[in-house]
Amino acid sequence: MVMEGLTGLVRETSRIEVFEAVRVDSNGIEVKILQYADDTLFFCQPKHQSIKAIKAVLHTFEFLA
């Protein structure tokens, strides 16, 4: 339940175009976040804005959890 909140935050930053995910094929499929057990991987374009968005998401998640 708590990790769904993190995914939602990442989805929202992507929706408002602050976070740019990685496209994995020519059909436009994107990977933003992968989670398994207590491991989390973020995938984004190597842009300053995306890195700042991840940092903001993690700070927000810290206060929500």
PDB file of N, CA and C in Angstrom:
ATOM      1  N   MET A   1       0.824  -1.193   0.000  1.00  0.00           N
ATOM      2  CA  MET A   1       0.000   0.000   0.000  1.00  0.00           C
ATOM      3  C   MET A   1       0.870   1.260   0.000  1.00  0.00           C
ATOM      4  N   VAL A   2       1.885   1.279   0.829  1.00  0.00           N
ATOM      5  CA  VAL A   2       2.755   2.451   0.907  1.00  0.00           C
ATOM      6  C   VAL A   2       3.513   2.647  -0.404  1.00  0.00           C
ATOM      7  N   MET A   3       3.989   1.546  -1.004  1.00  0.00           N
ATOM      8  CA  MET A   3       4.760   1.665  -2.239  1.00  0.00           C
ATOM      9  C   MET A   3       3.898   2.136  -3.399  1.00  0.00           C
ATOM     10  N   GLU A   4       2.581   1.895  -3.341  1.00  0.00           N
ATOM     11  CA  GLU A   4       1.691   2.429  -4.359  1.00  0.00           C
ATOM     12  C   GLU A   4       1.709   3.949  -4.338  1.00  0.00           C
ATOM     13  N   GLY A   5       1.929   4.531  -3.158  1.00  0.00           N
ATOM     14  CA  GLY A   5       2.042   5.980  -3.049  1.00  0.00           C
ATOM     15  C   GLY A   5       3.257   6.508  -3.784  1.00  0.00           C
ATOM     16  N   LEU A   6       4.368   5.790  -3.690  1.00  0.00           N
ATOM     17  CA  LEU A   6       5.583   6.194  -4.401  1.00  0.00           C
ATOM     18  C   LEU A   6       5.365   6.116  -5.911  1.00  0.00           C
ATOM     19  N   THR A   7       4.749   5.044  -6.365  1.00  0.00           N
ATOM     20  CA  THR A   7       4.456   4.893  -7.792  1.00  0.00           C
ATOM     21  C   THR A   7       3.524   6.008  -8.257  1.00  0.00           C
ATOM     22  N   GLY A   8       2.551   6.351  -7.450  1.00  0.00           N
ATOM     23  CA  GLY A   8       1.631   7.431  -7.799  1.00  0.00           C
ATOM     24  C   GLY A   8       2.327   8.771  -7.910  1.00  0.00           C
ATOM     25  N   LEU A   9       3.256   9.032  -7.008  1.00  0.00           N
ATOM     26  CA  LEU A   9       4.019  10.282  -7.084  1.00  0.00           C
ATOM     27  C   LEU A   9       4.849  10.345  -8.359  1.00  0.00           C
ATOM     28  N   VAL A  10       5.485   9.237  -8.723  1.00  0.00           N
ATOM     29  CA  VAL A  10       6.288   9.196  -9.950  1.00  0.00           C
ATOM     30  C   VAL A  10       5.383   9.367 -11.172  1.00  0.00           C
ATOM     31  N   ARG A  11       4.239   8.705 -11.156  1.00  0.00           N
ATOM     32  CA  ARG A  11       3.290   8.821 -12.270  1.00  0.00           C
ATOM     33  C   ARG A  11       2.824  10.269 -12.436  1.00  0.00           C
ATOM     34  N   GLU A  12       2.558  10.936 -11.326  1.00  0.00           N
ATOM     35  CA  GLU A  12       2.093  12.328 -11.382  1.00  0.00           C
ATOM     36  C   GLU A  12       3.177  13.263 -11.916  1.00  0.00           C
ATOM     37  N   THR A  13       4.419  13.090 -11.484  1.00  0.00           N
ATOM     38  CA  THR A  13       5.489  13.952 -12.003  1.00  0.00           C
ATOM     39  C   THR A  13       5.703  13.712 -13.494  1.00  0.00           C
ATOM     40  N   SER A  14       5.475  12.496 -13.942  1.00  0.00           N
ATOM     41  CA  SER A  14       5.578  12.201 -15.371  1.00  0.00           C
ATOM     42  C   SER A  14       4.410  12.830 -16.130  1.00  0.00           C
ATOM     43  N   ARG A  15       3.223  12.778 -15.544  1.00  0.00           N
ATOM     44  CA  ARG A  15       2.028  13.338 -16.191  1.00  0.00           C
ATOM     45  C   ARG A  15       2.169  14.843 -16.404  1.00  0.00           C
ATOM     46  N   ILE A  16       2.736  15.544 -15.433  1.00  0.00           N
ATOM     47  CA  ILE A  16       2.897  16.998 -15.576  1.00  0.00           C
ATOM     48  C   ILE A  16       4.202  17.365 -16.279  1.00  0.00           C
ATOM     49  N   GLU A  17       4.853  16.342 -16.832  1.00  0.00           N
ATOM     50  CA  GLU A  17       6.049  16.493 -17.667  1.00  0.00           C
ATOM     51  C   GLU A  17       7.236  17.122 -16.953  1.00  0.00           C
ATOM     52  N   VAL A  18       7.394  16.771 -15.674  1.00  0.00           N
ATOM     53  CA  VAL A  18       8.575  17.189 -14.919  1.00  0.00           C
ATOM     54  C   VAL A  18       9.612  16.080 -14.949  1.00  0.00           C
ATOM     55  N   PHE A  19       9.130  14.846 -14.994  1.00  0.00           N
ATOM     56  CA  PHE A  19       9.966  13.647 -14.982  1.00  0.00           C
ATOM     57  C   PHE A  19       9.838  12.978 -16.346  1.00  0.00           C
ATOM     58  N   GLU A  20      10.962  12.735 -17.011  1.00  0.00           N
ATOM     59  CA  GLU A  20      10.942  12.110 -18.336  1.00  0.00           C
ATOM     60  C   GLU A  20      11.450  10.677 -18.227  1.00  0.00           C
ATOM     61  N   ALA A  21      10.541   9.733 -18.437  1.00  0.00           N
ATOM     62  CA  ALA A  21      10.863   8.312 -18.313  1.00  0.00           C
ATOM     63  C   ALA A  21      11.698   7.832 -19.499  1.00  0.00           C
ATOM     64  N   VAL A  22      12.157   6.587 -19.399  1.00  0.00           N
ATOM     65  CA  VAL A  22      12.957   5.971 -20.458  1.00  0.00           C
ATOM     66  C   VAL A  22      12.026   5.175 -21.367  1.00  0.00           C
ATOM     67  N   ARG A  23      12.131   5.395 -22.667  1.00  0.00           N
ATOM     68  CA  ARG A  23      11.346   4.621 -23.645  1.00  0.00           C
ATOM     69  C   ARG A  23      12.130   3.353 -23.987  1.00  0.00           C
ATOM     70  N   VAL A  24      11.437   2.214 -23.929  1.00  0.00           N
ATOM     71  CA  VAL A  24      12.128   0.947 -24.131  1.00  0.00           C
ATOM     72  C   VAL A  24      11.898   0.328 -25.496  1.00  0.00           C
ATOM     73  N   ASP A  25      10.985   0.883 -26.286  1.00  0.00           N
ATOM     74  CA  ASP A  25      10.799   0.378 -27.650  1.00  0.00           C
ATOM     75  C   ASP A  25      10.215   1.466 -28.531  1.00  0.00           C
ATOM     76  N   SER A  26      10.060   1.150 -29.812  1.00  0.00           N
ATOM     77  CA  SER A  26       9.585   2.145 -30.773  1.00  0.00           C
ATOM     78  C   SER A  26       8.084   2.419 -30.641  1.00  0.00           C
ATOM     79  N   ASN A  27       7.360   1.611 -29.871  1.00  0.00           N
ATOM     80  CA  ASN A  27       5.923   1.826 -29.671  1.00  0.00           C
ATOM     81  C   ASN A  27       5.631   2.833 -28.569  1.00  0.00           C
ATOM     82  N   GLY A  28       6.648   3.343 -27.936  1.00  0.00           N
ATOM     83  CA  GLY A  28       6.476   4.372 -26.915  1.00  0.00           C
ATOM     84  C   GLY A  28       6.268   3.854 -25.510  1.00  0.00           C
ATOM     85  N   ILE A  29       6.509   2.571 -25.272  1.00  0.00           N
ATOM     86  CA  ILE A  29       6.375   2.031 -23.919  1.00  0.00           C
ATOM     87  C   ILE A  29       7.469   2.633 -23.045  1.00  0.00           C
ATOM     88  N   GLU A  30       7.060   3.148 -21.877  1.00  0.00           N
ATOM     89  CA  GLU A  30       7.995   3.805 -20.969  1.00  0.00           C
ATOM     90  C   GLU A  30       8.174   3.012 -19.684  1.00  0.00           C
ATOM     91  N   VAL A  31       9.361   3.108 -19.123  1.00  0.00           N
ATOM     92  CA  VAL A  31       9.642   2.549 -17.806  1.00  0.00           C
ATOM     93  C   VAL A  31      10.025   3.724 -16.916  1.00  0.00           C
ATOM     94  N   LYS A  32       9.294   3.871 -15.814  1.00  0.00           N
ATOM     95  CA  LYS A  32       9.552   4.960 -14.864  1.00  0.00           C
ATOM     96  C   LYS A  32      10.151   4.428 -13.574  1.00  0.00           C
ATOM     97  N   ILE A  33       9.541   3.340 -13.080  1.00  0.00           N
ATOM     98  CA  ILE A  33       9.930   2.820 -11.777  1.00  0.00           C
ATOM     99  C   ILE A  33       9.692   1.313 -11.762  1.00  0.00           C
ATOM    100  N   LEU A  34      10.623   0.585 -11.180  1.00  0.00           N
ATOM    101  CA  LEU A  34      10.468  -0.853 -10.960  1.00  0.00           C
ATOM    102  C   LEU A  34      10.668  -1.109  -9.473  1.00  0.00           C
ATOM    103  N   GLN A  35       9.781  -1.931  -8.906  1.00  0.00           N
ATOM    104  CA  GLN A  35       9.858  -2.231  -7.482  1.00  0.00           C
ATOM    105  C   GLN A  35       9.723  -3.730  -7.267  1.00  0.00           C
ATOM    106  N   TYR A  36      10.540  -4.247  -6.373  1.00  0.00           N
ATOM    107  CA  TYR A  36      10.458  -5.643  -5.976  1.00  0.00           C
ATOM    108  C   TYR A  36      10.882  -5.733  -4.517  1.00  0.00           C
ATOM    109  N   ALA A  37       9.987  -6.259  -3.694  1.00  0.00           N
ATOM    110  CA  ALA A  37      10.229  -6.369  -2.252  1.00  0.00           C
ATOM    111  C   ALA A  37      10.609  -4.990  -1.706  1.00  0.00           C
ATOM    112  N   ASP A  38      11.832  -4.832  -1.203  1.00  0.00           N
ATOM    113  CA  ASP A  38      12.232  -3.537  -0.660  1.00  0.00           C
ATOM    114  C   ASP A  38      13.222  -2.808  -1.559  1.00  0.00           C
ATOM    115  N   ASP A  39      13.266  -3.189  -2.842  1.00  0.00           N
ATOM    116  CA  ASP A  39      14.161  -2.535  -3.804  1.00  0.00           C
ATOM    117  C   ASP A  39      13.350  -1.672  -4.756  1.00  0.00           C
ATOM    118  N   THR A  40      13.879  -0.508  -5.082  1.00  0.00           N
ATOM    119  CA  THR A  40      13.230   0.409  -6.015  1.00  0.00           C
ATOM    120  C   THR A  40      14.266   0.951  -6.982  1.00  0.00           C
ATOM    121  N   LEU A  41      13.924   0.916  -8.276  1.00  0.00           N
ATOM    122  CA  LEU A  41      14.778   1.474  -9.321  1.00  0.00           C
ATOM    123  C   LEU A  41      13.996   2.538 -10.078  1.00  0.00           C
ATOM    124  N   PHE A  42      14.589   3.701 -10.248  1.00  0.00           N
ATOM    125  CA  PHE A  42      13.984   4.769 -11.038  1.00  0.00           C
ATOM    126  C   PHE A  42      14.693   4.816 -12.387  1.00  0.00           C
ATOM    127  N   PHE A  43      13.918   5.019 -13.450  1.00  0.00           N
ATOM    128  CA  PHE A  43      14.474   5.137 -14.791  1.00  0.00           C
ATOM    129  C   PHE A  43      14.037   6.477 -15.365  1.00  0.00           C
ATOM    130  N   CYS A  44      15.015   7.304 -15.734  1.00  0.00           N
ATOM    131  CA  CYS A  44      14.682   8.602 -16.315  1.00  0.00           C
ATOM    132  C   CYS A  44      15.762   9.009 -17.314  1.00  0.00           C
ATOM    133  N   GLN A  45      15.421  10.000 -18.101  1.00  0.00           N
ATOM    134  CA  GLN A  45      16.389  10.573 -19.025  1.00  0.00           C
ATOM    135  C   GLN A  45      17.449  11.322 -18.202  1.00  0.00           C
ATOM    136  N   PRO A  46      18.688  11.327 -18.687  1.00  0.00           N
ATOM    137  CA  PRO A  46      19.746  11.998 -17.922  1.00  0.00           C
ATOM    138  C   PRO A  46      19.656  13.526 -18.058  1.00  0.00           C
ATOM    139  N   LYS A  47      18.609  14.068 -17.456  1.00  0.00           N
ATOM    140  CA  LYS A  47      18.381  15.513 -17.489  1.00  0.00           C
ATOM    141  C   LYS A  47      18.258  16.011 -16.055  1.00  0.00           C
ATOM    142  N   HIS A  48      18.764  17.196 -15.844  1.00  0.00           N
ATOM    143  CA  HIS A  48      18.769  17.791 -14.514  1.00  0.00           C
ATOM    144  C   HIS A  48      17.351  17.850 -13.933  1.00  0.00           C
ATOM    145  N   GLN A  49      16.378  18.206 -14.755  1.00  0.00           N
ATOM    146  CA  GLN A  49      14.994  18.337 -14.299  1.00  0.00           C
ATOM    147  C   GLN A  49      14.442  17.002 -13.798  1.00  0.00           C
ATOM    148  N   SER A  50      14.761  15.903 -14.483  1.00  0.00           N
ATOM    149  CA  SER A  50      14.274  14.586 -14.058  1.00  0.00           C
ATOM    150  C   SER A  50      14.912  14.158 -12.742  1.00  0.00           C
ATOM    151  N   ILE A  51      16.184  14.442 -12.575  1.00  0.00           N
ATOM    152  CA  ILE A  51      16.879  14.090 -11.335  1.00  0.00           C
ATOM    153  C   ILE A  51      16.295  14.887 -10.164  1.00  0.00           C
ATOM    154  N   LYS A  52      16.037  16.171 -10.389  1.00  0.00           N
ATOM    155  CA  LYS A  52      15.421  16.991  -9.346  1.00  0.00           C
ATOM    156  C   LYS A  52      14.026  16.481  -9.012  1.00  0.00           C
ATOM    157  N   ALA A  53      13.295  15.985 -10.003  1.00  0.00           N
ATOM    158  CA  ALA A  53      11.956  15.449  -9.766  1.00  0.00           C
ATOM    159  C   ALA A  53      12.022  14.201  -8.887  1.00  0.00           C
ATOM    160  N   ILE A  54      12.984  13.319  -9.149  1.00  0.00           N
ATOM    161  CA  ILE A  54      13.144  12.124  -8.314  1.00  0.00           C
ATOM    162  C   ILE A  54      13.456  12.524  -6.872  1.00  0.00           C
ATOM    163  N   LYS A  55      14.321  13.494  -6.719  1.00  0.00           N
ATOM    164  CA  LYS A  55      14.674  13.964  -5.377  1.00  0.00           C
ATOM    165  C   LYS A  55      13.440  14.521  -4.661  1.00  0.00           C
ATOM    166  N   ALA A  56      12.626  15.287  -5.363  1.00  0.00           N
ATOM    167  CA  ALA A  56      11.410  15.846  -4.770  1.00  0.00           C
ATOM    168  C   ALA A  56      10.420  14.741  -4.416  1.00  0.00           C
ATOM    169  N   VAL A  57      10.299  13.732  -5.287  1.00  0.00           N
ATOM    170  CA  VAL A  57       9.405  12.601  -5.017  1.00  0.00           C
ATOM    171  C   VAL A  57       9.856  11.875  -3.754  1.00  0.00           C
ATOM    172  N   LEU A  58      11.144  11.634  -3.620  1.00  0.00           N
ATOM    173  CA  LEU A  58      11.655  10.925  -2.446  1.00  0.00           C
ATOM    174  C   LEU A  58      11.454  11.728  -1.165  1.00  0.00           C
ATOM    175  N   HIS A  59      11.653  13.035  -1.235  1.00  0.00           N
ATOM    176  CA  HIS A  59      11.413  13.877  -0.057  1.00  0.00           C
ATOM    177  C   HIS A  59       9.931  13.863   0.322  1.00  0.00           C
ATOM    178  N   THR A  60       9.047  13.955  -0.671  1.00  0.00           N
ATOM    179  CA  THR A  60       7.612  13.918  -0.404  1.00  0.00           C
ATOM    180  C   THR A  60       7.216  12.577   0.175  1.00  0.00           C
ATOM    181  N   PHE A  61       7.727  11.500  -0.408  1.00  0.00           N
ATOM    182  CA  PHE A  61       7.404  10.152   0.067  1.00  0.00           C
ATOM    183  C   PHE A  61       7.876   9.942   1.501  1.00  0.00           C
ATOM    184  N   GLU A  62       8.994  10.544   1.831  1.00  0.00           N
ATOM    185  CA  GLU A  62       9.521  10.412   3.201  1.00  0.00           C
ATOM    186  C   GLU A  62       8.512  10.948   4.217  1.00  0.00           C
ATOM    187  N   PHE A  63       7.849  12.054   3.872  1.00  0.00           N
ATOM    188  CA  PHE A  63       6.899  12.644   4.806  1.00  0.00           C
ATOM    189  C   PHE A  63       5.556  11.932   4.797  1.00  0.00           C
ATOM    190  N   LEU A  64       5.221  11.253   3.699  1.00  0.00           N
ATOM    191  CA  LEU A  64       3.944  10.542   3.609  1.00  0.00           C
ATOM    192  C   LEU A  64       3.997   9.172   4.275  1.00  0.00           C
ATOM    193  N   ALA A  65       5.183   8.553   4.273  1.00  0.00           N
ATOM    194  CA  ALA A  65       5.291   7.179   4.778  1.00  0.00           C
ATOM    195  C   ALA A  65       5.356   7.126   6.285  1.00  0.00           C
TER     196      ALA A  65
END
